[in-house]
N, C-alpha and C. Protein backbone atom coordinates (compact mmCIF):
# COMPACT_ATOMS: atom_id res chain seq x y z
N UNK A 1 -10.27 -16.61 23.29
CA UNK A 1 -9.18 -17.55 23.48
C UNK A 1 -9.21 -18.59 22.36
N UNK A 2 -8.05 -18.85 21.80
CA UNK A 2 -7.89 -19.94 20.85
C UNK A 2 -6.81 -20.88 21.40
N UNK A 3 -6.88 -22.12 20.97
CA UNK A 3 -5.87 -23.09 21.35
C UNK A 3 -5.08 -23.44 20.11
N UNK A 4 -3.77 -23.25 20.18
CA UNK A 4 -2.85 -23.56 19.09
C UNK A 4 -2.12 -24.84 19.46
N UNK A 5 -2.11 -25.82 18.57
CA UNK A 5 -1.42 -27.08 18.85
C UNK A 5 -0.24 -27.22 17.90
N UNK A 6 0.94 -27.39 18.49
CA UNK A 6 2.14 -27.75 17.74
C UNK A 6 1.94 -29.23 17.41
N UNK A 7 1.25 -29.48 16.31
CA UNK A 7 0.62 -30.78 16.08
C UNK A 7 1.54 -31.89 15.60
N UNK A 8 2.68 -31.56 15.02
CA UNK A 8 3.56 -32.62 14.53
C UNK A 8 4.02 -33.54 15.66
N UNK A 9 4.22 -32.98 16.84
CA UNK A 9 4.76 -33.78 17.95
C UNK A 9 3.76 -34.02 19.07
N UNK A 10 2.55 -33.56 18.92
CA UNK A 10 1.56 -33.71 19.98
C UNK A 10 0.94 -35.11 19.92
N UNK A 11 0.96 -35.84 21.04
CA UNK A 11 0.37 -37.19 21.04
C UNK A 11 -1.13 -37.16 20.72
N UNK A 12 -1.58 -38.17 20.00
CA UNK A 12 -3.00 -38.25 19.62
C UNK A 12 -3.96 -38.22 20.80
N UNK A 13 -3.66 -38.89 21.94
CA UNK A 13 -4.60 -38.80 23.06
C UNK A 13 -4.79 -37.36 23.56
N UNK A 14 -3.76 -36.54 23.46
CA UNK A 14 -3.87 -35.14 23.88
C UNK A 14 -4.74 -34.37 22.90
N UNK A 15 -4.56 -34.63 21.62
CA UNK A 15 -5.41 -33.99 20.61
C UNK A 15 -6.87 -34.33 20.86
N UNK A 16 -7.15 -35.59 21.19
CA UNK A 16 -8.53 -36.01 21.45
C UNK A 16 -9.12 -35.26 22.64
N UNK A 17 -8.34 -35.07 23.69
CA UNK A 17 -8.81 -34.32 24.86
C UNK A 17 -9.13 -32.88 24.45
N UNK A 18 -8.26 -32.30 23.64
CA UNK A 18 -8.49 -30.92 23.19
C UNK A 18 -9.72 -30.83 22.30
N UNK A 19 -9.91 -31.80 21.41
CA UNK A 19 -11.09 -31.79 20.54
C UNK A 19 -12.38 -31.80 21.38
N UNK A 20 -12.41 -32.64 22.39
CA UNK A 20 -13.61 -32.72 23.24
C UNK A 20 -13.83 -31.39 23.98
N UNK A 21 -12.76 -30.81 24.48
CA UNK A 21 -12.88 -29.53 25.18
C UNK A 21 -13.35 -28.44 24.24
N UNK A 22 -12.85 -28.44 23.01
CA UNK A 22 -13.24 -27.43 22.03
C UNK A 22 -14.74 -27.47 21.77
N UNK A 23 -15.26 -28.66 21.60
CA UNK A 23 -16.69 -28.80 21.35
C UNK A 23 -17.52 -28.42 22.58
N UNK A 24 -17.08 -28.89 23.73
CA UNK A 24 -17.83 -28.66 24.97
C UNK A 24 -17.83 -27.17 25.34
N UNK A 25 -16.69 -26.51 25.19
CA UNK A 25 -16.57 -25.11 25.62
C UNK A 25 -16.65 -24.12 24.46
N UNK A 26 -16.79 -24.63 23.24
CA UNK A 26 -16.88 -23.81 22.03
C UNK A 26 -15.66 -22.88 21.90
N UNK A 27 -14.50 -23.51 21.92
CA UNK A 27 -13.22 -22.81 21.80
C UNK A 27 -12.60 -23.22 20.47
N UNK A 28 -12.05 -22.24 19.75
CA UNK A 28 -11.42 -22.54 18.48
C UNK A 28 -10.04 -23.16 18.70
N UNK A 29 -9.78 -24.21 17.95
CA UNK A 29 -8.52 -24.95 18.02
C UNK A 29 -7.90 -24.96 16.63
N UNK A 30 -6.61 -24.63 16.57
CA UNK A 30 -5.90 -24.67 15.30
C UNK A 30 -4.70 -25.59 15.45
N UNK A 31 -4.67 -26.65 14.68
CA UNK A 31 -3.52 -27.55 14.66
C UNK A 31 -2.59 -27.08 13.56
N UNK A 32 -1.33 -26.87 13.89
CA UNK A 32 -0.36 -26.43 12.91
C UNK A 32 0.67 -27.54 12.75
N UNK A 33 0.84 -28.00 11.49
CA UNK A 33 1.76 -29.11 11.23
C UNK A 33 2.28 -28.99 9.81
N UNK A 34 3.39 -29.67 9.55
CA UNK A 34 3.94 -29.64 8.19
C UNK A 34 3.47 -30.83 7.35
N UNK A 35 2.51 -31.54 7.87
CA UNK A 35 1.87 -32.61 7.11
C UNK A 35 0.38 -32.57 7.39
N UNK A 36 -0.41 -33.08 6.47
CA UNK A 36 -1.85 -33.07 6.66
C UNK A 36 -2.21 -34.04 7.77
N UNK A 37 -3.09 -33.61 8.67
CA UNK A 37 -3.56 -34.45 9.76
C UNK A 37 -5.08 -34.57 9.68
N UNK A 38 -5.55 -35.75 9.98
CA UNK A 38 -7.00 -35.96 10.01
C UNK A 38 -7.55 -35.35 11.29
N UNK A 39 -8.56 -34.50 11.13
CA UNK A 39 -9.20 -33.88 12.27
C UNK A 39 -10.69 -34.11 12.20
N UNK A 40 -11.37 -34.03 13.33
CA UNK A 40 -12.83 -34.20 13.29
C UNK A 40 -13.50 -33.05 12.55
N UNK A 41 -14.63 -33.33 11.97
CA UNK A 41 -15.41 -32.29 11.33
C UNK A 41 -16.04 -31.45 12.43
N UNK A 42 -15.67 -30.18 12.49
CA UNK A 42 -16.14 -29.31 13.56
C UNK A 42 -15.99 -27.86 13.16
N UNK A 43 -16.89 -27.04 13.62
CA UNK A 43 -16.79 -25.60 13.43
C UNK A 43 -15.60 -25.04 14.20
N UNK A 44 -15.22 -25.73 15.26
CA UNK A 44 -14.22 -25.19 16.18
C UNK A 44 -12.80 -25.72 15.96
N UNK A 45 -12.63 -26.71 15.09
CA UNK A 45 -11.32 -27.34 14.92
C UNK A 45 -10.85 -27.16 13.48
N UNK A 46 -9.68 -26.56 13.34
CA UNK A 46 -9.12 -26.31 12.00
C UNK A 46 -7.69 -26.84 11.93
N UNK A 47 -7.28 -27.17 10.72
CA UNK A 47 -5.93 -27.65 10.46
C UNK A 47 -5.22 -26.63 9.58
N UNK A 48 -4.01 -26.25 9.97
CA UNK A 48 -3.20 -25.34 9.15
C UNK A 48 -1.91 -26.08 8.79
N UNK A 49 -1.81 -26.46 7.52
CA UNK A 49 -0.61 -27.15 7.06
C UNK A 49 0.38 -26.11 6.55
N UNK A 50 1.64 -26.24 7.02
CA UNK A 50 2.71 -25.35 6.61
C UNK A 50 3.76 -26.15 5.85
N UNK A 51 4.69 -25.44 5.21
CA UNK A 51 5.77 -26.12 4.50
C UNK A 51 6.61 -26.94 5.47
N UNK A 52 7.29 -27.94 4.92
CA UNK A 52 8.24 -28.70 5.73
C UNK A 52 9.48 -27.83 5.92
N UNK A 53 10.07 -27.93 7.07
CA UNK A 53 11.28 -27.17 7.34
C UNK A 53 11.42 -26.88 8.81
N UNK A 54 12.63 -26.58 9.20
CA UNK A 54 12.97 -26.34 10.59
C UNK A 54 12.21 -25.13 11.14
N UNK A 55 11.43 -25.34 12.17
CA UNK A 55 10.68 -24.29 12.89
C UNK A 55 9.62 -23.57 12.07
N UNK A 56 9.24 -24.09 10.91
CA UNK A 56 8.21 -23.43 10.09
C UNK A 56 6.87 -23.41 10.85
N UNK A 57 6.48 -24.56 11.42
CA UNK A 57 5.22 -24.62 12.17
C UNK A 57 5.29 -23.73 13.41
N UNK A 58 6.42 -23.79 14.11
CA UNK A 58 6.58 -22.96 15.31
C UNK A 58 6.44 -21.48 14.96
N UNK A 59 7.10 -21.07 13.90
CA UNK A 59 7.05 -19.66 13.48
C UNK A 59 5.63 -19.25 13.09
N UNK A 60 4.90 -20.15 12.47
CA UNK A 60 3.52 -19.85 12.08
C UNK A 60 2.65 -19.62 13.32
N UNK A 61 2.87 -20.44 14.35
CA UNK A 61 2.12 -20.26 15.59
C UNK A 61 2.47 -18.92 16.23
N UNK A 62 3.76 -18.66 16.37
CA UNK A 62 4.20 -17.41 17.01
C UNK A 62 3.65 -16.19 16.27
N UNK A 63 3.63 -16.24 14.97
CA UNK A 63 3.15 -15.10 14.16
C UNK A 63 1.66 -14.82 14.43
N UNK A 64 0.88 -15.88 14.69
CA UNK A 64 -0.57 -15.73 14.80
C UNK A 64 -1.12 -15.71 16.23
N UNK A 65 -0.34 -16.18 17.19
CA UNK A 65 -0.83 -16.28 18.56
C UNK A 65 -1.06 -14.89 19.14
N UNK A 66 -2.07 -14.78 19.97
CA UNK A 66 -2.43 -13.51 20.59
C UNK A 66 -2.48 -13.67 22.09
N UNK A 67 -2.43 -12.55 22.83
CA UNK A 67 -2.56 -12.64 24.29
C UNK A 67 -3.82 -13.42 24.68
N UNK A 68 -3.69 -14.22 25.71
CA UNK A 68 -4.76 -15.06 26.25
C UNK A 68 -5.02 -16.33 25.46
N UNK A 69 -4.34 -16.53 24.32
CA UNK A 69 -4.44 -17.80 23.61
C UNK A 69 -3.65 -18.85 24.40
N UNK A 70 -3.89 -20.09 24.09
CA UNK A 70 -3.15 -21.20 24.70
C UNK A 70 -2.39 -21.92 23.61
N UNK A 71 -1.11 -22.20 23.87
CA UNK A 71 -0.28 -22.97 22.96
C UNK A 71 0.05 -24.29 23.64
N UNK A 72 -0.20 -25.40 22.95
CA UNK A 72 0.14 -26.72 23.46
C UNK A 72 1.37 -27.20 22.71
N UNK A 73 2.48 -27.29 23.44
CA UNK A 73 3.75 -27.67 22.82
C UNK A 73 4.72 -28.17 23.88
N UNK A 74 5.67 -28.97 23.45
CA UNK A 74 6.78 -29.33 24.32
C UNK A 74 8.06 -28.67 23.82
N UNK A 75 7.95 -27.85 22.79
CA UNK A 75 9.08 -27.14 22.21
C UNK A 75 9.38 -25.91 23.06
N UNK A 76 10.52 -25.90 23.70
CA UNK A 76 10.85 -24.85 24.67
C UNK A 76 11.02 -23.48 24.02
N UNK A 77 11.75 -23.34 22.90
CA UNK A 77 11.82 -22.00 22.27
C UNK A 77 10.45 -21.49 21.82
N UNK A 78 9.61 -22.36 21.28
CA UNK A 78 8.25 -21.95 20.90
C UNK A 78 7.49 -21.49 22.14
N UNK A 79 7.60 -22.25 23.22
CA UNK A 79 6.92 -21.87 24.46
C UNK A 79 7.37 -20.49 24.92
N UNK A 80 8.67 -20.23 24.88
CA UNK A 80 9.20 -18.93 25.30
C UNK A 80 8.64 -17.80 24.44
N UNK A 81 8.62 -18.02 23.12
CA UNK A 81 8.08 -16.99 22.22
C UNK A 81 6.60 -16.74 22.48
N UNK A 82 5.83 -17.79 22.71
CA UNK A 82 4.40 -17.64 22.98
C UNK A 82 4.17 -16.89 24.30
N UNK A 83 4.94 -17.25 25.32
CA UNK A 83 4.82 -16.56 26.60
C UNK A 83 5.16 -15.08 26.47
N UNK A 84 6.15 -14.78 25.66
CA UNK A 84 6.52 -13.38 25.44
C UNK A 84 5.43 -12.60 24.73
N UNK A 85 4.52 -13.31 24.07
CA UNK A 85 3.37 -12.65 23.42
C UNK A 85 2.13 -12.71 24.32
N UNK A 86 2.34 -13.04 25.60
CA UNK A 86 1.30 -13.08 26.62
C UNK A 86 0.28 -14.19 26.40
N UNK A 87 0.71 -15.26 25.77
CA UNK A 87 -0.13 -16.45 25.63
C UNK A 87 0.18 -17.38 26.80
N UNK A 88 -0.64 -18.38 26.97
CA UNK A 88 -0.41 -19.42 27.96
C UNK A 88 0.20 -20.62 27.24
N UNK A 89 0.99 -21.41 27.97
CA UNK A 89 1.62 -22.58 27.37
C UNK A 89 1.44 -23.77 28.29
N UNK A 90 1.01 -24.87 27.68
CA UNK A 90 0.83 -26.12 28.38
C UNK A 90 1.50 -27.22 27.57
N UNK A 91 2.29 -28.06 28.23
CA UNK A 91 2.93 -29.16 27.52
C UNK A 91 1.94 -30.31 27.40
N UNK A 92 2.16 -31.24 26.48
CA UNK A 92 1.28 -32.40 26.37
C UNK A 92 1.29 -33.28 27.63
N UNK A 93 2.26 -33.08 28.50
CA UNK A 93 2.30 -33.83 29.77
C UNK A 93 1.62 -33.07 30.90
N UNK A 94 1.05 -31.90 30.58
CA UNK A 94 0.29 -31.16 31.58
C UNK A 94 1.09 -30.16 32.40
N UNK A 95 2.31 -29.87 32.00
CA UNK A 95 3.10 -28.87 32.71
C UNK A 95 2.80 -27.50 32.11
N UNK A 96 2.49 -26.56 32.97
CA UNK A 96 2.22 -25.21 32.50
C UNK A 96 3.49 -24.38 32.65
N UNK A 97 3.93 -23.80 31.55
CA UNK A 97 5.10 -22.94 31.59
C UNK A 97 4.68 -21.50 31.89
N UNK A 98 5.56 -20.80 32.57
CA UNK A 98 5.39 -19.37 32.85
C UNK A 98 6.66 -18.67 32.37
N UNK A 99 6.64 -17.35 32.39
CA UNK A 99 7.85 -16.61 32.00
C UNK A 99 9.02 -16.97 32.92
N UNK A 100 8.74 -17.20 34.20
CA UNK A 100 9.81 -17.57 35.13
C UNK A 100 10.32 -18.98 34.87
N UNK A 101 9.42 -19.94 34.71
CA UNK A 101 9.86 -21.33 34.55
C UNK A 101 10.51 -21.58 33.19
N UNK A 102 10.14 -20.82 32.18
CA UNK A 102 10.69 -21.06 30.85
C UNK A 102 12.16 -20.66 30.78
N UNK A 103 12.55 -19.67 31.56
CA UNK A 103 13.97 -19.26 31.59
C UNK A 103 14.84 -20.43 32.03
N UNK A 104 14.41 -21.11 33.08
CA UNK A 104 15.15 -22.27 33.58
C UNK A 104 15.19 -23.38 32.53
N UNK A 105 14.08 -23.60 31.86
CA UNK A 105 14.01 -24.63 30.81
C UNK A 105 14.94 -24.31 29.64
N UNK A 106 15.01 -23.05 29.25
CA UNK A 106 15.90 -22.65 28.16
C UNK A 106 17.36 -22.88 28.54
N UNK A 107 17.70 -22.56 29.76
CA UNK A 107 19.08 -22.77 30.24
C UNK A 107 19.41 -24.26 30.22
N UNK A 108 18.49 -25.08 30.75
CA UNK A 108 18.72 -26.53 30.79
C UNK A 108 18.80 -27.11 29.38
N UNK A 109 17.95 -26.63 28.49
CA UNK A 109 17.96 -27.11 27.10
C UNK A 109 19.31 -26.81 26.45
N UNK A 110 19.77 -25.59 26.62
CA UNK A 110 21.07 -25.20 26.04
C UNK A 110 22.21 -26.03 26.64
N UNK A 111 22.15 -26.28 27.94
CA UNK A 111 23.17 -27.08 28.60
C UNK A 111 23.19 -28.50 28.04
N UNK A 112 22.01 -29.11 27.91
CA UNK A 112 21.91 -30.48 27.40
C UNK A 112 22.37 -30.54 25.94
N UNK A 113 22.06 -29.52 25.17
CA UNK A 113 22.51 -29.47 23.78
C UNK A 113 24.04 -29.44 23.71
N UNK A 114 24.66 -28.67 24.60
CA UNK A 114 26.13 -28.60 24.67
C UNK A 114 26.71 -29.95 25.06
N UNK A 115 26.08 -30.60 26.03
CA UNK A 115 26.55 -31.92 26.48
C UNK A 115 26.47 -32.94 25.34
N UNK A 116 25.34 -32.96 24.63
CA UNK A 116 25.19 -33.90 23.52
C UNK A 116 26.21 -33.62 22.42
N UNK A 117 26.47 -32.34 22.16
CA UNK A 117 27.44 -31.98 21.13
C UNK A 117 28.85 -32.44 21.50
N UNK A 118 29.11 -32.56 22.80
CA UNK A 118 30.43 -33.02 23.24
C UNK A 118 30.49 -34.54 23.36
N UNK A 119 29.42 -35.22 22.98
CA UNK A 119 29.44 -36.68 22.95
C UNK A 119 28.79 -37.38 24.13
N UNK A 120 28.27 -36.63 25.08
CA UNK A 120 27.61 -37.24 26.24
C UNK A 120 26.24 -37.76 25.81
N UNK A 121 25.97 -39.01 26.12
CA UNK A 121 24.67 -39.61 25.80
C UNK A 121 23.66 -39.24 26.88
N UNK A 122 22.50 -38.81 26.46
CA UNK A 122 21.44 -38.51 27.43
C UNK A 122 20.20 -39.26 26.99
N UNK A 123 19.47 -39.74 27.96
CA UNK A 123 18.22 -40.45 27.65
C UNK A 123 17.15 -39.46 27.23
N UNK A 124 16.23 -39.93 26.48
CA UNK A 124 15.12 -39.08 26.06
C UNK A 124 14.06 -39.01 27.15
N UNK A 125 12.94 -38.41 26.85
CA UNK A 125 11.88 -38.31 27.84
C UNK A 125 11.26 -39.68 28.12
N UNK A 126 10.64 -39.80 29.27
CA UNK A 126 9.95 -41.03 29.63
C UNK A 126 8.80 -41.26 28.65
N UNK A 127 8.41 -42.52 28.45
CA UNK A 127 7.27 -42.78 27.57
C UNK A 127 6.01 -42.04 28.05
N UNK A 128 5.20 -41.63 27.11
CA UNK A 128 3.95 -40.94 27.42
C UNK A 128 3.03 -41.91 28.14
N UNK A 129 2.42 -41.48 29.25
CA UNK A 129 1.64 -42.40 30.07
C UNK A 129 0.21 -41.92 30.30
N UNK A 130 -0.60 -42.79 30.89
CA UNK A 130 -1.97 -42.44 31.25
C UNK A 130 -1.97 -41.32 32.29
N UNK A 131 -0.99 -41.31 33.15
CA UNK A 131 -0.87 -40.24 34.16
C UNK A 131 -0.60 -38.90 33.47
N UNK A 132 0.22 -38.90 32.44
CA UNK A 132 0.47 -37.68 31.67
C UNK A 132 -0.83 -37.17 31.04
N UNK A 133 -1.60 -38.08 30.47
CA UNK A 133 -2.89 -37.72 29.86
C UNK A 133 -3.81 -37.09 30.89
N UNK A 134 -3.88 -37.71 32.05
CA UNK A 134 -4.76 -37.22 33.12
C UNK A 134 -4.30 -35.83 33.59
N UNK A 135 -3.01 -35.67 33.77
CA UNK A 135 -2.49 -34.39 34.22
C UNK A 135 -2.77 -33.30 33.19
N UNK A 136 -2.62 -33.63 31.90
CA UNK A 136 -2.92 -32.65 30.86
C UNK A 136 -4.39 -32.26 30.90
N UNK A 137 -5.27 -33.24 30.98
CA UNK A 137 -6.71 -32.96 30.99
C UNK A 137 -7.09 -32.07 32.18
N UNK A 138 -6.51 -32.36 33.33
CA UNK A 138 -6.80 -31.55 34.52
C UNK A 138 -6.31 -30.12 34.36
N UNK A 139 -5.09 -29.95 33.86
CA UNK A 139 -4.53 -28.61 33.68
C UNK A 139 -5.28 -27.83 32.61
N UNK A 140 -5.66 -28.50 31.53
CA UNK A 140 -6.43 -27.84 30.47
C UNK A 140 -7.76 -27.35 31.02
N UNK A 141 -8.44 -28.19 31.77
CA UNK A 141 -9.73 -27.81 32.35
C UNK A 141 -9.58 -26.61 33.29
N UNK A 142 -8.55 -26.63 34.14
CA UNK A 142 -8.31 -25.51 35.06
C UNK A 142 -8.05 -24.22 34.29
N UNK A 143 -7.23 -24.31 33.27
CA UNK A 143 -6.87 -23.12 32.50
C UNK A 143 -8.09 -22.56 31.75
N UNK A 144 -8.85 -23.42 31.12
CA UNK A 144 -10.05 -22.96 30.40
C UNK A 144 -11.04 -22.34 31.36
N UNK A 145 -11.24 -22.95 32.52
CA UNK A 145 -12.16 -22.42 33.51
C UNK A 145 -11.71 -21.04 33.99
N UNK A 146 -10.43 -20.91 34.27
CA UNK A 146 -9.88 -19.63 34.73
C UNK A 146 -10.04 -18.56 33.66
N UNK A 147 -9.69 -18.89 32.43
CA UNK A 147 -9.75 -17.89 31.36
C UNK A 147 -11.17 -17.52 30.98
N UNK A 148 -12.10 -18.45 31.10
CA UNK A 148 -13.48 -18.14 30.73
C UNK A 148 -14.16 -17.23 31.76
N UNK A 149 -13.59 -17.12 32.96
CA UNK A 149 -14.14 -16.23 33.98
C UNK A 149 -13.68 -14.79 33.79
N UNK A 150 -12.69 -14.58 32.92
CA UNK A 150 -12.15 -13.23 32.71
C UNK A 150 -12.98 -12.44 31.75
């Protein structure tokens, strides 16, 4: 199992949780971003910088992800592609996507995009909170524990 992080948009507290888990459980983590990011010196944590451009980082993750890997992202199309490759997906807020739940998310995303294009104002996501951090840490721990038993 490897953990792929859609790192351009992943909050730093979530990256820190993943770094600690990587060291503790000896799991390889790859951060993919279109800019250089400072990462801890570790055998288990690597940074992959890609060109700037629309979906370049997402495409790099999809190309390399394998079944049983974990992708950390809030990008719904990336999540769908990863799930279709039999990977697991966890959002930085601790929500785990499945093939069933991602279909609903894709529909809602497309609907909201249509609404915004027609001029309807929609609020963005709620600010990232300590509760989100806690939920992510709990879900990550559960997923790692489950996958390590296989």
